[in-house]
Amino acid sequence: MINVTQTFLPPISEYQQILQRAWDKIWLTNRGELVLELENNIAQKLSSKIGIAMNNGTIPIQIALKLLGKGGEIITTPFSYVATTSSIVWEGCTPVFVDIEPNYWTIDPDKIEAAITEKTTCILATHVFGNPCDVIKINAIAKKYNLAVIYDAAHSFGVTYAGQSIFDFGDISTCSFHATKIFHTGEGGMLFTNNDQLFTDSYNAHNFGHNGPTAFHGVGINGKMSELSAAVGLAVLPYLDEIIAARKEIADFYFSNLSSTVQAINLREGTNWNYSYFPVVFETEEHLLNVIQKLNEHDINPRRYFYPSLNTLDFVHGSSCPISESLASRILCLPLFVGLDKEIQRQVIDTINNLV
């Protein structure tokens, strides 16, 4: 079965060599030297402030909402992975959905102000498939109404916008290091912020509230990354440029050969992309379902990201978002990973072109 993605794994000997350091120190968790080294190496690689490594990509969103959401209404996008919405509900806040831009698939900033009420505390937006939100407009709105901004940047490792790391925008940005991502730690994530107080509060929150062995600063949870996961990240990170280059070659082949009747991603001007996914949009859901069926017959398994539109979930009371609902029903991510066989890629392209 050819899946939509495949985890990149460096030579296991390189992982074992790094992991040996944790074995030698008999230190597997509680922010050992491998976690600290990973945080520093990522900051240097991305030319960004040091982030806080965590045990998955959802915990940073939940911590950000705990600190900034304050139980209020969170203006958010209906077009994202379910964790974006479920984190809002889990933290006792209320999601208020704003439809998306048809060209970029990110939250439409021109519709945000109409959704703001006296209960609004925060904007939680997603850089969809690593395509940046309109961070300039969102920042202006947030300042005007004194709102916090959280970016779900799960897909955005290595992306720059306007010459800056995508993680430099917003009060807090979060990223996933899940095994399906271009950079991963097996399971993990990171929280980024340029605000020193938010950094301290986030750090304390991910470590049970600890501020030293016996002091506590507020309520916290266990969001710490293990040394085992950090070792994976330290082994993968040196390959990041190679990974992105290989994915770019595959994406360029899709761009060049797919029928013009399917819509590919349209990147916001000023974006240096990471080729995290290759989504295509069909004219109808029927077209999409036909393509999935035909590809499955050849043991090729694309995936419907993001379906359904989150405003339609049964545990929220979302208003209609017609652009997101339409897009969610017609968008499909094609196989994209290092080592994808060119013949498989041609088969995907031929199948789509023949059916549309």
Protein backbone atom coordinates (compact mmCIF):
# COMPACT_ATOMS: atom_id res chain seq x y z
CA MET A 1 0.00 0.00 0.00
CA ILE A 2 1.33 3.43 -0.98
CA ASN A 3 0.09 5.83 1.68
CA VAL A 4 -0.25 9.58 1.50
CA THR A 5 2.95 9.90 3.49
CA GLN A 6 5.81 7.81 4.79
CA THR A 7 7.97 8.58 7.79
CA PHE A 8 11.51 9.68 6.99
CA LEU A 9 14.00 7.62 8.99
CA PRO A 10 17.74 8.30 9.13
CA PRO A 11 20.16 5.37 9.49
CA ILE A 12 19.31 3.65 12.76
CA SER A 13 22.98 3.69 13.73
CA GLU A 14 22.85 7.50 13.87
CA TYR A 15 19.83 7.37 16.18
CA GLN A 16 21.49 4.77 18.39
CA GLN A 17 24.64 6.84 18.68
CA ILE A 18 22.66 9.83 19.94
CA LEU A 19 20.48 7.69 22.19
CA GLN A 20 23.57 6.16 23.78
CA ARG A 21 24.17 9.49 25.52
CA ALA A 22 20.85 9.16 27.35
CA TRP A 23 21.69 5.55 28.24
CA ASP A 24 25.08 6.58 29.59
CA LYS A 25 23.49 9.23 31.83
CA ILE A 26 20.50 7.01 32.71
CA TRP A 27 18.31 10.03 32.00
CA LEU A 28 15.29 9.42 29.78
CA THR A 29 12.94 12.29 30.60
CA ASN A 30 12.57 15.53 32.61
CA ARG A 31 14.31 17.74 30.04
CA GLY A 32 17.62 15.99 29.69
CA GLU A 33 20.52 17.15 27.56
CA LEU A 34 19.05 15.76 24.32
CA VAL A 35 15.85 17.81 24.66
CA LEU A 36 17.86 20.93 25.45
CA GLU A 37 20.16 20.31 22.50
CA LEU A 38 17.21 19.75 20.17
CA GLU A 39 15.60 23.03 21.24
CA ASN A 40 18.85 24.91 20.61
CA ASN A 41 19.50 23.21 17.26
CA ILE A 42 16.00 23.97 16.01
CA ALA A 43 16.34 27.63 17.00
CA GLN A 44 19.62 27.87 15.11
CA LYS A 45 18.24 26.05 12.07
CA LEU A 46 15.16 28.24 11.85
CA SER A 47 16.83 31.49 12.93
CA SER A 48 14.10 31.76 15.52
CA LYS A 49 13.79 32.05 19.28
CA ILE A 50 14.16 28.87 21.31
CA GLY A 51 10.90 26.93 21.56
CA ILE A 52 9.72 24.51 24.22
CA ALA A 53 9.78 20.89 23.07
CA MET A 54 6.68 18.93 24.08
CA ASN A 55 5.37 15.39 23.87
CA ASN A 56 2.96 16.00 20.97
CA GLY A 57 1.60 18.79 18.79
CA THR A 58 -1.75 19.20 20.54
CA ILE A 59 -0.48 19.92 24.05
CA PRO A 60 1.09 23.24 22.93
CA ILE A 61 -2.26 24.37 21.54
CA GLN A 62 -4.01 23.40 24.77
CA ILE A 63 -1.44 25.22 26.89
CA ALA A 64 -1.72 28.30 24.67
CA LEU A 65 -5.50 28.26 25.07
CA LYS A 66 -5.23 27.73 28.82
CA LEU A 67 -3.02 30.81 29.08
CA LEU A 68 -4.71 33.07 26.54
CA GLY A 69 -8.22 31.72 25.94
CA LYS A 70 -9.46 32.35 29.49
CA GLY A 71 -12.64 30.38 28.92
CA GLY A 72 -13.90 32.82 26.31
CA GLU A 73 -14.85 32.72 22.67
CA ILE A 74 -12.08 31.75 20.28
CA ILE A 75 -12.38 32.91 16.68
CA THR A 76 -11.03 30.07 14.58
CA THR A 77 -10.98 28.38 11.20
CA PRO A 78 -13.28 25.54 10.14
CA PHE A 79 -10.62 24.24 7.73
CA SER A 80 -7.96 22.47 9.81
CA TYR A 81 -7.30 19.20 11.57
CA VAL A 82 -9.80 18.34 14.29
CA ALA A 83 -7.25 19.03 17.06
CA THR A 84 -7.56 22.76 16.40
CA THR A 85 -11.24 22.73 17.33
CA SER A 86 -11.21 19.95 19.92
CA SER A 87 -8.47 21.76 21.87
CA ILE A 88 -10.72 24.81 22.14
CA VAL A 89 -13.61 22.74 23.47
CA TRP A 90 -11.32 20.67 25.73
CA GLU A 91 -10.02 23.84 27.39
CA GLY A 92 -13.53 25.05 28.18
CA CYS A 93 -13.62 27.72 25.48
CA THR A 94 -16.14 28.25 22.70
CA PRO A 95 -15.10 28.01 19.04
CA VAL A 96 -16.54 30.73 16.79
CA PHE A 97 -15.96 29.77 13.17
CA VAL A 98 -15.05 32.25 10.47
CA ASP A 99 -14.98 31.08 6.86
CA ILE A 100 -11.78 30.85 4.84
CA GLU A 101 -10.19 32.67 1.93
CA PRO A 102 -11.00 30.76 -1.28
CA ASN A 103 -7.54 31.36 -2.75
CA TYR A 104 -5.31 30.45 0.21
CA TRP A 105 -7.65 28.28 2.33
CA THR A 106 -6.67 30.11 5.53
CA ILE A 107 -9.04 32.06 7.79
CA ASP A 108 -10.49 35.12 6.05
CA PRO A 109 -9.37 38.17 8.06
CA ASP A 110 -12.01 40.34 6.42
CA LYS A 111 -14.67 38.25 8.20
CA ILE A 112 -13.08 38.23 11.65
CA GLU A 113 -14.29 41.57 12.99
CA ALA A 114 -17.95 40.69 12.45
CA ALA A 115 -17.45 37.65 14.71
CA ILE A 116 -15.89 39.54 17.63
CA THR A 117 -18.03 39.94 20.76
CA GLU A 118 -17.38 41.04 24.33
CA LYS A 119 -16.59 37.38 25.10
CA THR A 120 -13.88 37.05 22.45
CA THR A 121 -10.43 36.52 23.92
CA CYS A 122 -8.37 35.02 21.17
CA ILE A 123 -7.90 34.22 17.49
CA LEU A 124 -6.68 30.68 16.73
CA ALA A 125 -5.78 30.35 13.05
CA THR A 126 -4.06 27.61 11.04
CA HIS A 127 -1.32 27.98 8.46
CA VAL A 128 -3.01 25.43 6.19
CA PHE A 129 -0.58 22.92 4.64
CA GLY A 130 2.14 25.40 5.60
CA ASN A 131 0.49 28.21 3.63
CA PRO A 132 0.66 31.27 5.90
CA CYS A 133 -2.38 33.12 7.13
CA ASP A 134 -2.66 36.84 6.39
CA VAL A 135 -0.66 37.54 9.53
CA ILE A 136 -0.47 41.29 8.88
CA LYS A 137 -4.25 41.80 8.82
CA ILE A 138 -4.81 39.39 11.71
CA ASN A 139 -2.22 41.21 13.83
CA ALA A 140 -3.89 44.57 13.13
CA ILE A 141 -7.30 43.24 14.15
CA ALA A 142 -5.88 41.65 17.30
CA LYS A 143 -4.26 44.92 18.35
CA LYS A 144 -7.42 46.90 17.64
CA TYR A 145 -9.55 44.68 19.87
CA ASN A 146 -6.85 43.62 22.37
CA LEU A 147 -7.03 39.95 21.41
CA ALA A 148 -4.38 37.28 21.66
CA VAL A 149 -3.30 35.37 18.53
CA ILE A 150 -2.36 31.70 18.45
CA TYR A 151 -1.19 30.07 15.23
CA ASP A 152 -1.59 26.36 14.67
CA ALA A 153 1.52 25.88 12.55
CA ALA A 154 1.48 22.08 12.70
CA HIS A 155 2.46 21.76 9.02
CA SER A 156 4.85 24.67 8.87
CA PHE A 157 8.28 23.56 10.08
CA GLY A 158 10.88 25.35 7.95
CA VAL A 159 8.41 27.75 6.32
CA THR A 160 9.36 31.40 6.14
CA TYR A 161 7.08 34.32 5.35
CA ALA A 162 8.33 37.80 4.45
CA GLY A 163 11.83 36.60 5.30
CA GLN A 164 10.95 35.46 8.82
CA SER A 165 10.33 32.10 10.40
CA ILE A 166 6.60 31.44 10.38
CA PHE A 167 6.90 30.74 14.12
CA ASP A 168 7.80 34.39 14.79
CA PHE A 169 4.21 35.55 14.21
CA GLY A 170 1.42 35.71 16.79
CA ASP A 171 1.61 35.59 20.57
CA ILE A 172 2.16 31.82 20.41
CA SER A 173 2.83 29.47 17.51
CA THR A 174 2.63 25.71 17.82
CA CYS A 175 4.07 22.93 15.70
CA SER A 176 3.65 19.17 15.42
CA PHE A 177 6.59 16.77 15.27
CA HIS A 178 4.38 13.76 14.54
CA ALA A 179 5.94 10.98 12.48
CA THR A 180 3.98 12.10 9.41
CA LYS A 181 5.56 15.57 9.39
CA ILE A 182 8.58 16.63 7.34
CA PHE A 183 10.53 17.08 10.56
CA HIS A 184 9.55 14.72 13.33
CA THR A 185 10.51 13.22 16.67
CA GLY A 186 8.27 10.18 16.24
CA GLU A 187 5.69 11.90 18.41
CA GLY A 188 6.19 15.44 19.65
CA GLY A 189 5.67 19.12 19.15
CA MET A 190 6.89 22.57 20.10
CA LEU A 191 5.58 25.89 21.38
CA PHE A 192 7.17 29.15 20.19
CA THR A 193 6.71 32.65 21.56
CA ASN A 194 8.61 35.92 21.45
CA ASN A 195 7.02 37.04 24.73
CA ASP A 196 9.27 36.30 27.71
CA GLN A 197 6.40 36.06 30.19
CA LEU A 198 4.43 33.72 27.94
CA PHE A 199 7.55 31.60 27.51
CA THR A 200 7.93 31.29 31.29
CA ASP A 201 4.23 30.57 31.81
CA SER A 202 4.21 27.99 29.00
CA TYR A 203 7.34 26.34 30.33
CA ASN A 204 5.85 26.06 33.82
CA ALA A 205 2.54 24.80 32.44
CA HIS A 206 4.16 21.95 30.50
CA ASN A 207 6.10 20.82 33.59
CA PHE A 208 3.30 20.37 36.15
CA GLY A 209 3.65 24.03 37.14
CA HIS A 210 7.10 23.39 38.58
CA ASN A 211 9.40 26.34 39.10
CA GLY A 212 12.22 24.45 40.74
CA PRO A 213 12.00 21.15 42.63
CA THR A 214 9.59 22.33 45.33
CA ALA A 215 8.02 25.54 44.03
CA PHE A 216 4.91 25.68 41.87
CA HIS A 217 3.60 28.51 39.73
CA GLY A 218 0.02 27.69 38.88
CA VAL A 219 -1.60 24.56 37.52
CA GLY A 220 0.37 22.51 35.02
CA ILE A 221 0.32 19.26 33.11
CA ASN A 222 2.95 16.84 31.87
CA GLY A 223 3.80 18.02 28.38
CA LYS A 224 7.51 17.18 28.44
CA MET A 225 9.30 15.50 25.56
CA SER A 226 11.35 12.40 26.37
CA GLU A 227 15.01 11.91 25.52
CA LEU A 228 13.99 9.04 23.23
CA SER A 229 11.90 11.38 21.09
CA ALA A 230 14.53 14.11 21.19
CA ALA A 231 17.10 11.62 19.90
CA VAL A 232 14.89 10.96 16.87
CA GLY A 233 14.68 14.69 16.23
CA LEU A 234 18.44 15.16 16.55
CA ALA A 235 18.96 12.36 14.04
CA VAL A 236 16.40 13.73 11.56
CA LEU A 237 17.17 17.47 11.74
CA PRO A 238 20.48 17.33 9.78
CA TYR A 239 18.52 15.88 6.84
CA LEU A 240 15.92 18.68 6.73
CA ASP A 241 17.28 20.44 3.64
CA GLU A 242 17.59 17.10 1.83
CA ILE A 243 14.03 16.17 2.83
CA ILE A 244 12.57 19.46 1.58
CA ALA A 245 14.54 19.29 -1.68
CA ALA A 246 13.32 15.74 -2.38
CA ARG A 247 9.72 16.71 -1.65
CA LYS A 248 10.02 19.79 -3.85
CA GLU A 249 11.07 17.61 -6.78
CA ILE A 250 8.00 15.41 -6.33
CA ALA A 251 5.68 18.41 -5.89
CA ASP A 252 7.10 20.09 -9.01
CA PHE A 253 6.35 16.93 -11.01
CA TYR A 254 2.74 17.06 -9.81
CA PHE A 255 2.49 20.77 -10.59
CA SER A 256 3.83 20.23 -14.12
CA ASN A 257 1.79 17.19 -15.10
CA LEU A 258 -1.61 17.30 -13.42
CA SER A 259 -4.59 18.43 -15.46
CA SER A 260 -5.46 22.10 -15.21
CA THR A 261 -8.98 21.05 -14.24
CA VAL A 262 -7.74 20.27 -10.72
CA GLN A 263 -6.66 23.13 -8.48
CA ALA A 264 -3.35 22.90 -6.65
CA ILE A 265 -2.28 24.96 -3.65
CA ASN A 266 -1.85 28.70 -4.22
CA LEU A 267 0.88 30.02 -1.95
CA ARG A 268 0.66 33.46 -0.41
CA GLU A 269 3.19 35.85 -1.93
CA GLY A 270 6.34 36.04 0.19
CA THR A 271 6.18 32.40 1.27
CA ASN A 272 9.14 30.06 1.19
CA TRP A 273 7.25 26.76 1.40
CA ASN A 274 8.28 23.40 2.88
CA TYR A 275 6.28 21.06 0.56
CA SER A 276 4.57 19.50 3.55
CA TYR A 277 1.58 18.18 1.57
CA PHE A 278 0.31 18.14 -2.00
CA PRO A 279 -3.42 18.93 -1.94
CA VAL A 280 -5.57 19.12 -5.06
CA VAL A 281 -9.16 20.31 -5.39
CA PHE A 282 -11.65 18.67 -7.76
CA GLU A 283 -14.67 20.28 -9.35
CA THR A 284 -17.06 18.01 -7.46
CA GLU A 285 -17.00 15.54 -4.60
CA GLU A 286 -18.04 12.86 -7.08
CA HIS A 287 -14.81 13.41 -9.00
CA LEU A 288 -12.85 13.11 -5.77
CA LEU A 289 -14.55 9.88 -4.74
CA ASN A 290 -13.97 8.36 -8.18
CA VAL A 291 -10.27 9.18 -7.98
CA ILE A 292 -9.97 7.68 -4.49
CA GLN A 293 -11.70 4.49 -5.59
CA LYS A 294 -9.51 4.08 -8.65
CA LEU A 295 -6.28 4.77 -6.76
CA ASN A 296 -7.29 2.37 -3.98
CA GLU A 297 -7.69 -0.34 -6.63
CA HIS A 298 -3.97 0.11 -7.29
CA ASP A 299 -3.11 0.09 -3.56
CA ILE A 300 -2.53 3.84 -3.54
CA ASN A 301 -4.08 5.57 -0.55
CA PRO A 302 -4.50 9.37 -0.79
CA ARG A 303 -6.20 11.15 2.11
CA ARG A 304 -8.98 13.66 2.56
CA TYR A 305 -7.41 16.54 4.49
CA PHE A 306 -9.42 18.22 6.03
CA TYR A 307 -12.78 16.54 6.06
CA PRO A 308 -15.35 17.34 7.25
CA SER A 309 -15.38 21.09 7.71
CA LEU A 310 -14.97 21.53 11.47
CA ASN A 311 -17.99 23.79 11.90
CA THR A 312 -20.15 20.74 11.09
CA LEU A 313 -18.81 18.54 13.93
CA ASP A 314 -21.49 17.28 16.28
CA PHE A 315 -19.80 18.63 19.44
CA VAL A 316 -19.79 22.26 18.28
CA HIS A 317 -22.52 24.64 17.24
CA GLY A 318 -20.89 26.19 14.22
CA SER A 319 -22.56 28.60 11.85
CA SER A 320 -22.47 27.95 8.12
CA CYS A 321 -19.08 28.33 6.41
CA PRO A 322 -19.88 27.58 2.77
CA ILE A 323 -16.38 28.06 1.35
CA SER A 324 -14.82 25.69 3.88
CA GLU A 325 -17.62 23.16 3.54
CA SER A 326 -17.30 23.12 -0.23
CA LEU A 327 -13.51 22.87 -0.16
CA ALA A 328 -13.51 20.13 2.48
CA SER A 329 -15.74 17.99 0.30
CA ARG A 330 -13.50 18.32 -2.79
CA ILE A 331 -9.88 18.39 -1.55
CA LEU A 332 -7.51 15.42 -1.56
CA CYS A 333 -3.86 15.08 -0.55
CA LEU A 334 -1.75 12.99 -2.91
CA PRO A 335 1.18 10.77 -1.89
CA LEU A 336 4.24 12.86 -1.10
CA PHE A 337 7.30 11.54 0.73
CA VAL A 338 11.02 11.05 0.31
CA GLY A 339 11.60 8.01 -1.89
CA LEU A 340 8.22 8.04 -3.65
CA ASP A 341 8.72 6.05 -6.85
CA LYS A 342 8.33 8.13 -10.01
CA GLU A 343 6.23 5.38 -11.62
CA ILE A 344 3.78 5.51 -8.72
CA GLN A 345 3.61 9.26 -9.11
CA ARG A 346 2.92 8.89 -12.85
CA GLN A 347 0.16 6.42 -12.04
CA VAL A 348 -1.43 8.91 -9.65
CA ILE A 349 -1.23 11.66 -12.27
CA ASP A 350 -2.57 9.49 -15.09
CA THR A 351 -5.46 8.28 -12.94
CA ILE A 352 -6.50 11.80 -12.07
CA ASN A 353 -6.07 13.16 -15.60
CA ASN A 354 -8.07 10.31 -17.10
CA LEU A 355 -10.97 10.76 -14.67
CA VAL A 356 -11.36 14.53 -14.73
